[in-house]
Protein backbone atom coordinates (compact mmCIF):
# COMPACT_ATOMS: atom_id res chain seq x y z
CA MET A 1 4.78 24.42 21.22
CA LEU A 2 6.10 20.74 19.23
CA GLU A 3 8.85 23.93 17.34
CA ALA A 4 10.08 25.06 21.07
CA LEU A 5 10.69 21.68 22.49
CA PHE A 6 11.78 19.95 19.07
CA PRO A 7 13.45 22.84 16.74
CA VAL A 8 12.82 22.08 13.07
CA SER A 9 16.58 21.89 11.23
CA ALA A 10 16.88 22.65 8.11
CA GLU A 11 17.75 19.07 6.60
CA GLU A 12 13.78 18.32 8.33
CA ARG A 13 12.37 21.94 6.89
CA GLU A 14 14.08 20.55 3.61
CA VAL A 15 12.76 16.67 3.66
CA LEU A 16 8.92 18.40 4.35
CA ALA A 17 8.68 20.32 2.37
CA MET A 18 9.54 18.27 -0.66
CA ASP A 19 6.55 17.01 -3.08
CA PRO A 20 5.95 13.36 -2.00
CA GLU A 21 6.32 12.25 -5.27
CA GLN A 22 9.65 13.93 -6.39
CA SER A 23 11.07 13.29 -3.10
CA PHE A 24 10.66 10.05 -4.42
CA ASP A 25 13.66 10.42 -6.84
CA LEU A 26 15.13 13.15 -4.74
CA LEU A 27 16.30 11.16 -1.69
CA PRO A 28 19.00 8.51 -1.67
CA ARG A 29 18.67 4.66 -1.98
CA ALA A 30 19.02 2.88 0.86
CA GLN A 31 22.00 0.14 0.31
CA ALA A 32 21.49 -4.02 0.38
CA SER A 33 19.06 -5.05 3.25
CA PRO A 34 20.52 -7.06 6.63
CA ILE A 35 18.14 -9.72 6.18
CA PRO A 36 17.40 -11.41 2.93
CA GLU A 37 13.36 -10.94 4.15
CA ALA A 38 12.42 -7.40 3.83
CA CYS A 39 14.42 -4.31 1.86
CA GLY A 40 14.36 -0.58 2.56
CA ILE A 41 13.75 2.52 0.05
CA PHE A 42 15.87 5.84 1.46
CA SER A 43 19.10 5.27 2.61
CA TYR A 44 19.14 5.85 6.56
CA LYS A 45 22.27 7.74 6.39
CA ASP A 46 21.14 10.92 4.66
CA GLU A 47 20.35 13.87 7.65
CA ARG A 48 16.84 14.35 5.19
CA THR A 49 16.22 10.68 5.71
CA ARG A 50 16.29 10.47 9.59
CA LYS A 51 14.65 13.43 10.28
CA LEU A 52 11.71 12.53 7.92
CA ILE A 53 11.32 9.01 10.01
CA TRP A 54 12.12 11.18 13.33
CA SER A 55 8.80 14.11 12.28
CA ILE A 56 6.56 10.65 11.94
CA LYS A 57 7.45 9.16 14.74
CA TYR A 58 7.91 11.98 17.29
CA LYS A 59 5.77 14.44 15.43
CA ARG A 60 3.06 12.53 13.45
CA SER A 61 3.63 14.87 10.66
CA LYS A 62 1.18 14.64 7.80
CA ALA A 63 3.62 15.80 5.63
CA GLY A 64 6.32 13.36 7.13
CA SER A 65 3.45 10.58 6.56
CA ALA A 66 2.82 11.57 2.96
CA ILE A 67 6.17 11.48 1.89
CA ALA A 68 7.05 8.30 3.61
CA GLY A 69 3.46 6.34 1.97
CA ARG A 70 3.79 7.79 -1.47
CA ALA A 71 6.83 6.03 -1.56
CA LEU A 72 5.87 2.96 0.08
CA TYR A 73 3.27 3.04 -2.53
CA ARG A 74 4.70 3.41 -5.01
CA LEU A 75 6.52 -0.20 -4.80
CA VAL A 76 3.62 -1.81 -3.31
CA SER A 77 1.10 -1.27 -6.36
CA THR A 78 3.75 -2.83 -8.70
CA TYR A 79 3.62 -6.17 -6.83
CA SER A 80 -0.38 -5.38 -6.08
CA LYS A 81 -0.45 -6.03 -10.17
CA ALA A 82 0.98 -9.31 -9.96
CA ALA A 83 -0.04 -10.62 -6.83
CA SER A 84 -4.31 -10.73 -5.55
CA PRO A 85 -4.41 -10.09 -2.79
CA VAL A 86 -1.91 -7.97 -1.41
CA VAL A 87 -2.17 -7.06 2.37
CA ILE A 88 -0.33 -4.38 4.20
CA ALA A 89 0.22 -5.39 7.73
CA PRO A 90 1.89 -2.03 9.81
CA MET A 91 4.66 -2.89 12.07
CA PRO A 92 2.75 -3.20 15.43
CA ILE A 93 3.73 -1.44 18.92
CA THR A 94 3.18 -2.80 22.87
CA PRO A 95 -0.12 -0.88 24.06
CA ARG A 96 2.41 0.78 25.96
CA ARG A 97 4.64 2.52 23.39
CA GLN A 98 0.78 2.91 22.29
CA ARG A 99 -0.54 5.34 25.54
CA GLU A 100 3.32 6.70 25.64
CA ARG A 101 3.53 8.30 22.15
CA GLY A 102 -0.71 8.49 21.46
CA PHE A 103 -0.56 6.84 17.84
CA ASN A 104 1.64 4.12 15.67
CA GLN A 105 4.01 5.49 13.21
CA CYS A 106 3.54 2.60 10.77
CA GLU A 107 -0.54 2.63 10.73
CA LEU A 108 -0.15 6.57 9.98
CA ILE A 109 1.94 5.65 7.16
CA ALA A 110 -0.43 2.53 6.13
CA ASP A 111 -3.57 4.97 6.27
CA GLU A 112 -1.60 7.08 3.71
CA ILE A 113 -1.09 3.86 1.34
CA GLY A 114 -4.95 3.05 1.72
CA ARG A 115 -6.25 6.77 1.10
CA LEU A 116 -3.42 6.68 -1.97
CA ASP A 117 -5.12 3.30 -3.20
CA THR A 118 -8.42 4.44 -5.16
CA ASP A 119 -8.78 1.63 -6.65
CA ARG A 120 -9.04 -0.69 -3.86
CA ARG A 121 -6.67 -3.31 -4.62
CA LEU A 122 -4.88 -3.61 -1.08
CA THR A 123 -6.17 -4.16 2.63
CA ILE A 124 -4.80 -2.82 5.49
CA ALA A 125 -4.82 -4.80 7.80
CA LYS A 126 -3.66 -3.81 11.24
CA ASP A 127 -5.42 -6.70 12.94
CA ILE A 128 -3.45 -9.58 12.12
CA LEU A 129 0.11 -8.74 13.75
CA TYR A 130 0.69 -7.72 17.38
CA ARG A 131 3.64 -7.11 19.68
CA LYS A 132 3.44 -8.58 23.10
CA LEU A 133 6.39 -7.75 24.63
CA HIS A 134 7.68 -4.33 25.17
CA LYS A 135 11.53 -4.14 25.45
CA SER A 136 13.45 -1.20 26.09
CA ARG A 137 14.58 1.07 22.82
CA GLN A 138 17.05 -0.28 20.57
CA THR A 139 18.36 3.03 19.06
CA MET A 140 21.28 3.07 21.67
CA LYS A 141 21.87 -1.55 21.27
CA GLY A 142 24.11 -2.82 19.43
CA ARG A 143 23.33 -5.79 16.36
CA GLU A 144 24.16 -8.64 19.47
CA GLU A 145 21.76 -7.34 21.61
CA ARG A 146 19.09 -6.13 18.76
CA LEU A 147 18.96 -9.77 17.57
CA LYS A 148 18.61 -10.90 20.63
CA ASN A 149 16.06 -8.66 22.10
CA ALA A 150 13.76 -9.43 19.07
CA LYS A 151 12.99 -13.02 19.36
CA ASP A 152 9.54 -14.00 20.14
CA ILE A 153 8.10 -10.71 20.16
CA PHE A 154 4.70 -11.16 17.84
CA PHE A 155 1.92 -12.99 18.06
CA ALA A 156 -0.41 -13.07 14.99
CA ASP A 157 -3.81 -13.14 15.63
CA ASN A 158 -5.62 -16.47 13.34
CA ALA A 159 -9.02 -15.35 13.72
CA ALA A 160 -7.87 -11.91 12.24
CA ILE A 161 -6.04 -14.14 9.15
CA GLU A 162 -8.69 -16.39 8.97
CA LYS A 163 -11.40 -13.23 7.87
CA LEU A 164 -8.53 -12.12 4.89
CA GLY A 165 -10.45 -15.39 3.17
CA ILE A 166 -6.79 -15.48 1.28
CA ASP A 167 -6.57 -19.02 -0.30
CA LYS A 168 -2.95 -20.12 0.70
CA SER A 169 -2.73 -22.16 -2.58
CA GLN A 170 -2.95 -19.37 -5.08
CA ASP A 171 -1.38 -15.73 -5.52
CA TYR A 172 -1.37 -13.34 -2.46
CA LEU A 173 1.29 -11.25 -0.76
CA ILE A 174 1.80 -10.10 2.82
CA ILE A 175 3.76 -6.84 3.04
CA VAL A 176 5.12 -6.11 6.60
CA ILE A 177 5.68 -2.53 6.36
CA ASP A 178 8.14 -0.64 9.36
CA ASP A 179 9.71 3.11 9.19
CA VAL A 180 13.37 1.54 9.82
CA ILE A 181 15.03 -0.80 9.15
CA THR A 182 18.89 -1.43 11.02
CA THR A 183 20.07 -4.81 11.60
CA GLY A 184 16.40 -6.01 10.79
CA SER A 185 15.98 -8.25 14.04
CA THR A 186 12.11 -7.12 14.46
CA MET A 187 11.22 -6.94 10.71
CA LEU A 188 12.54 -10.65 10.52
CA ASP A 189 10.86 -11.47 14.14
CA ALA A 190 7.89 -10.11 12.08
CA VAL A 191 7.66 -12.33 9.17
CA HIS A 192 8.35 -15.16 10.60
CA THR A 193 5.13 -14.77 13.41
CA LEU A 194 3.38 -14.11 9.95
CA ARG A 195 4.61 -17.10 8.26
CA LYS A 196 4.86 -19.71 10.91
CA ALA A 197 0.76 -18.66 11.43
CA GLY A 198 0.29 -20.17 7.94
CA LEU A 199 0.91 -16.95 5.04
CA GLU A 200 4.13 -18.10 3.71
CA LYS A 201 4.28 -15.40 1.39
CA THR A 202 5.45 -12.43 3.48
CA PHE A 203 8.30 -10.33 3.15
CA GLY A 204 8.67 -6.85 4.78
CA LEU A 205 9.11 -3.48 3.83
CA SER A 206 10.57 -0.23 5.02
CA VAL A 207 10.75 3.82 4.62
CA ALA A 208 14.66 3.68 5.34
CA HIS A 209 17.33 1.38 5.69
């Protein structure tokens, strides 16, 4: 049914057929991030990367989630050797968007990271950051409008943060993960929200930019 509504392109077939481990080396790297608080892994200019993100975001692709999760885990697992604890916070969507789509693509990716973390060095925290405002889709907006629309759209759940049991005087790292960073406006607001809540060592990481 989905293929009838959304025909699968050659690029999508190619990327979803990749071995998740090999895809890390096959897909081109993103250029410099628009914000210093975050970075992306793959270049969104590459058609295969765009199709990868599309497959996860709108088709709930298990193969796509496996590729994205493996890429993020490759980087996050190196951080876990330097900082303890390391917390993964998937970028939240509004309840309205959750109802429309039926899932949060960033939580799918976070679940894949958790599956790969067999040593249990990472904590997946889906409840420390919430999106409080529903904005129209950002896709067709210019940079200035994106920046304006992405201010003060999140709130931190202090009770959930407290349950993490992080000693803020010790080494730790909070990583907000997203599928795509474009202008960086949404990620910037998410990172700043958690920093204002006391988690100063918070940074962002996306599958693509």
